[in-house]
Amino acid sequence: MLSDAELALWVRALREGGVVACATETFFGLLADALDSGAVDRVCALKGREKGVPVAVLLPNIAALSSVSADVSPQAWQLAQKHWPGPLTLLVRARAGLSSALVKDGTIGVRVPGPSPALQLVQAFGSPLTATSANQSGKAAARTAQEVSAAFPGGLAAIVGASAPGGLASTIVDTTGSELVVVRKGPIEV
């Protein structure tokens, strides 16, 4: 459990445009204010992320889905209600005005993380945060604070949590068509 003082410190860093590496229920992620295009650009630069490879977003709760999408299918709402918080990323139609680094083909990947420091932090922040694995593009996702520190010797406002459990990355399901499409198999069966 993160203390209120720790959460306040890291929320302030995020509000100032910083990037925080934080343990999720799977791996460490790079979290930044998803509605601040400068912060999203910093995440992409830190990772060495190629243009056209979108960054997913963590939400504080199911209701926040409407902050990033104006067109959520009934199937997406059902999956969210059944599996969130948890390691299920839903591809939904993106709301206009979001950073182009978050959107591909008009869609955005979103999830409410399972019990973890990342869930506490996104809930304390109260709005969407980026959710990309804490690693250089093409490298293995970090499971420990030491791995994060080695991958990012500079540029992070903080590293939150000592370790993440690892395992499978979140299941990704495209909910934008008439049929659900599993894009990446993970711990959630759909």
Protein backbone atom coordinates (compact mmCIF):
# COMPACT_ATOMS: atom_id res chain seq x y z
CA MET A 1 0.00 0.00 0.00
CA LEU A 2 1.25 3.45 -0.88
CA SER A 3 0.92 6.15 1.76
CA ASP A 4 -1.12 9.31 1.20
CA ALA A 5 2.13 11.34 1.34
CA GLU A 6 3.74 9.16 -1.36
CA LEU A 7 0.66 9.38 -3.58
CA ALA A 8 0.54 13.18 -3.19
CA LEU A 9 4.22 13.43 -4.18
CA TRP A 10 3.84 11.29 -7.29
CA VAL A 11 0.54 12.89 -8.33
CA ARG A 12 2.28 16.28 -8.19
CA ALA A 13 5.13 14.93 -10.36
CA LEU A 14 2.56 13.68 -12.90
CA ARG A 15 0.66 16.99 -12.89
CA GLU A 16 3.98 18.75 -13.62
CA GLY A 17 4.42 16.60 -16.75
CA GLY A 18 6.74 14.01 -15.23
CA VAL A 19 7.01 10.32 -16.10
CA VAL A 20 6.71 7.79 -13.27
CA ALA A 21 7.65 4.11 -13.61
CA CYS A 22 5.12 2.18 -11.55
CA ALA A 23 4.40 -1.47 -10.76
CA THR A 24 1.12 -2.75 -12.23
CA GLU A 25 -0.49 -6.14 -11.66
CA THR A 26 1.69 -7.50 -14.48
CA PHE A 27 4.85 -5.47 -15.17
CA PHE A 28 6.20 -1.97 -14.50
CA GLY A 29 4.62 0.70 -16.68
CA LEU A 30 5.59 4.23 -17.68
CA LEU A 31 2.84 6.48 -16.38
CA ALA A 32 2.29 10.10 -17.42
CA ASP A 33 -0.70 12.38 -17.82
CA ALA A 34 -2.38 10.95 -20.94
CA LEU A 35 -4.21 14.24 -21.58
CA ASP A 36 -0.91 16.22 -21.66
CA SER A 37 0.62 15.72 -25.12
CA GLY A 38 4.03 16.90 -23.87
CA ALA A 39 4.03 14.23 -21.14
CA VAL A 40 2.97 11.57 -23.66
CA ASP A 41 5.81 12.68 -25.97
CA ARG A 42 8.27 12.31 -23.05
CA VAL A 43 7.10 8.71 -22.53
CA CYS A 44 7.62 7.93 -26.23
CA ALA A 45 11.07 9.55 -26.23
CA LEU A 46 12.15 7.67 -23.10
CA LYS A 47 11.08 4.35 -24.62
CA GLY A 48 12.43 5.08 -28.07
CA ARG A 49 8.89 4.34 -29.26
CA GLU A 50 8.32 4.35 -33.03
CA LYS A 51 5.61 6.62 -34.40
CA GLY A 52 2.49 4.67 -35.22
CA VAL A 53 2.81 2.30 -32.24
CA PRO A 54 0.13 3.59 -29.87
CA VAL A 55 0.51 3.95 -26.11
CA ALA A 56 -2.36 2.49 -24.07
CA VAL A 57 -4.02 4.29 -21.18
CA LEU A 58 -4.86 3.42 -17.57
CA LEU A 59 -8.17 4.69 -16.22
CA PRO A 60 -9.04 5.31 -12.56
CA ASN A 61 -12.45 3.62 -12.93
CA ILE A 62 -14.96 2.38 -15.49
CA ALA A 63 -16.75 5.74 -15.65
CA ALA A 64 -13.54 7.37 -16.93
CA LEU A 65 -13.92 5.38 -20.14
CA SER A 66 -16.09 8.22 -21.44
CA SER A 67 -13.17 10.66 -21.00
CA VAL A 68 -11.25 8.97 -23.83
CA SER A 69 -14.08 7.54 -25.94
CA ALA A 70 -17.46 8.88 -27.03
CA ASP A 71 -18.43 5.60 -28.71
CA VAL A 72 -18.21 2.60 -26.38
CA SER A 73 -20.08 -0.51 -27.51
CA PRO A 74 -22.37 -2.40 -25.14
CA GLN A 75 -19.96 -5.35 -25.45
CA ALA A 76 -17.07 -3.16 -24.26
CA TRP A 77 -19.08 -1.94 -21.26
CA GLN A 78 -19.94 -5.55 -20.36
CA LEU A 79 -16.31 -6.68 -20.56
CA ALA A 80 -15.17 -3.69 -18.51
CA GLN A 81 -17.77 -4.37 -15.81
CA LYS A 82 -16.81 -8.04 -15.67
CA HIS A 83 -12.99 -7.76 -15.74
CA TRP A 84 -11.96 -4.33 -14.42
CA PRO A 85 -9.96 -3.69 -12.43
CA GLY A 86 -7.73 -6.25 -14.10
CA PRO A 87 -5.34 -7.10 -16.94
CA LEU A 88 -7.79 -6.54 -19.82
CA THR A 89 -7.10 -3.80 -22.37
CA LEU A 90 -10.05 -2.81 -24.54
CA LEU A 91 -9.63 -1.11 -27.89
CA VAL A 92 -12.38 1.49 -28.20
CA ARG A 93 -13.06 4.41 -30.56
CA ALA A 94 -10.89 7.35 -29.46
CA ARG A 95 -12.38 10.71 -28.54
CA ALA A 96 -11.18 13.61 -30.72
CA GLY A 97 -8.32 15.74 -29.42
CA LEU A 98 -6.20 13.01 -27.81
CA SER A 99 -2.46 12.84 -28.48
CA SER A 100 -1.74 11.05 -31.78
CA ALA A 101 0.71 8.84 -29.83
CA LEU A 102 -2.28 7.26 -28.04
CA VAL A 103 -4.43 6.63 -31.11
CA LYS A 104 -4.14 4.26 -34.05
CA ASP A 105 -6.78 3.96 -36.77
CA GLY A 106 -9.17 5.95 -34.58
CA THR A 107 -8.88 3.58 -31.61
CA ILE A 108 -7.30 3.77 -28.16
CA GLY A 109 -6.37 0.96 -25.76
CA VAL A 110 -7.70 1.40 -22.21
CA ARG A 111 -7.91 -0.50 -18.94
CA VAL A 112 -8.39 -0.11 -15.22
CA PRO A 113 -5.36 -1.90 -13.75
CA GLY A 114 -5.75 -4.65 -11.18
CA PRO A 115 -4.75 -4.20 -7.54
CA SER A 116 -1.29 -2.61 -7.63
CA PRO A 117 0.56 0.63 -6.98
CA ALA A 118 -0.51 1.71 -10.49
CA LEU A 119 -4.19 1.36 -9.56
CA GLN A 120 -3.64 3.45 -6.42
CA LEU A 121 -1.75 6.09 -8.40
CA VAL A 122 -4.25 6.41 -11.28
CA GLN A 123 -7.11 6.60 -8.77
CA ALA A 124 -5.29 9.32 -6.79
CA PHE A 125 -4.53 11.17 -10.06
CA GLY A 126 -8.18 10.91 -11.10
CA SER A 127 -7.79 10.90 -14.87
CA PRO A 128 -6.09 8.81 -17.58
CA LEU A 129 -2.41 7.94 -17.39
CA THR A 130 -0.24 6.36 -20.08
CA ALA A 131 0.22 2.61 -19.73
CA THR A 132 3.17 1.34 -21.69
CA SER A 133 5.67 -1.17 -20.37
CA ALA A 134 8.75 0.24 -18.65
CA ASN A 135 11.41 -0.85 -21.11
CA GLN A 136 13.19 0.38 -24.19
CA SER A 137 11.17 -0.54 -27.29
CA GLY A 138 11.93 -4.10 -28.32
CA LYS A 139 13.37 -5.11 -24.91
CA ALA A 140 11.80 -7.25 -22.18
CA ALA A 141 9.31 -5.54 -19.86
CA ALA A 142 10.72 -4.68 -16.43
CA ARG A 143 9.58 -6.63 -13.35
CA THR A 144 11.77 -4.94 -10.73
CA ALA A 145 12.74 -1.41 -9.77
CA GLN A 146 16.37 -2.36 -10.51
CA GLU A 147 15.47 -3.37 -14.07
CA VAL A 148 13.62 -0.06 -14.53
CA SER A 149 16.58 1.89 -13.17
CA ALA A 150 18.97 0.09 -15.52
CA ALA A 151 16.71 0.72 -18.53
CA PHE A 152 16.15 4.40 -17.66
CA PRO A 153 19.22 5.87 -15.92
CA GLY A 154 17.61 9.32 -16.24
CA GLY A 155 14.37 11.02 -17.18
CA LEU A 156 12.01 9.46 -14.63
CA ALA A 157 10.38 11.48 -11.87
CA ALA A 158 10.12 8.34 -9.70
CA ILE A 159 10.09 4.56 -9.59
CA VAL A 160 7.10 3.36 -7.58
CA GLY A 161 7.10 -0.16 -6.13
CA ALA A 162 9.87 -2.70 -5.71
CA SER A 163 8.59 -5.38 -8.05
CA ALA A 164 5.72 -6.50 -10.26
CA PRO A 165 4.60 -10.12 -10.57
CA GLY A 166 5.32 -10.49 -14.32
CA GLY A 167 3.50 -13.27 -16.11
CA LEU A 168 1.40 -12.50 -19.15
CA ALA A 169 0.85 -8.96 -20.37
CA SER A 170 -2.79 -7.83 -20.42
CA THR A 171 -5.25 -9.42 -22.81
CA ILE A 172 -6.14 -6.98 -25.61
CA VAL A 173 -9.61 -7.10 -27.18
CA ASP A 174 -10.78 -4.94 -30.09
CA THR A 175 -14.37 -3.94 -29.31
CA THR A 176 -14.86 -1.54 -32.23
CA GLY A 177 -16.39 -3.96 -34.73
CA SER A 178 -19.52 -6.06 -34.73
CA GLU A 179 -17.50 -9.00 -33.33
CA LEU A 180 -14.99 -8.99 -30.47
CA VAL A 181 -11.45 -9.70 -31.69
CA VAL A 182 -8.71 -10.88 -29.31
CA VAL A 183 -5.61 -8.99 -30.46
CA ARG A 184 -3.29 -10.39 -27.77
CA LYS A 185 -3.91 -13.37 -25.50
CA GLY A 186 -3.21 -12.72 -21.85
CA PRO A 187 -4.47 -13.70 -18.41
CA ILE A 188 -8.13 -12.84 -19.14
CA GLU A 189 -10.13 -15.28 -21.28
CA VAL A 190 -12.78 -13.57 -23.43
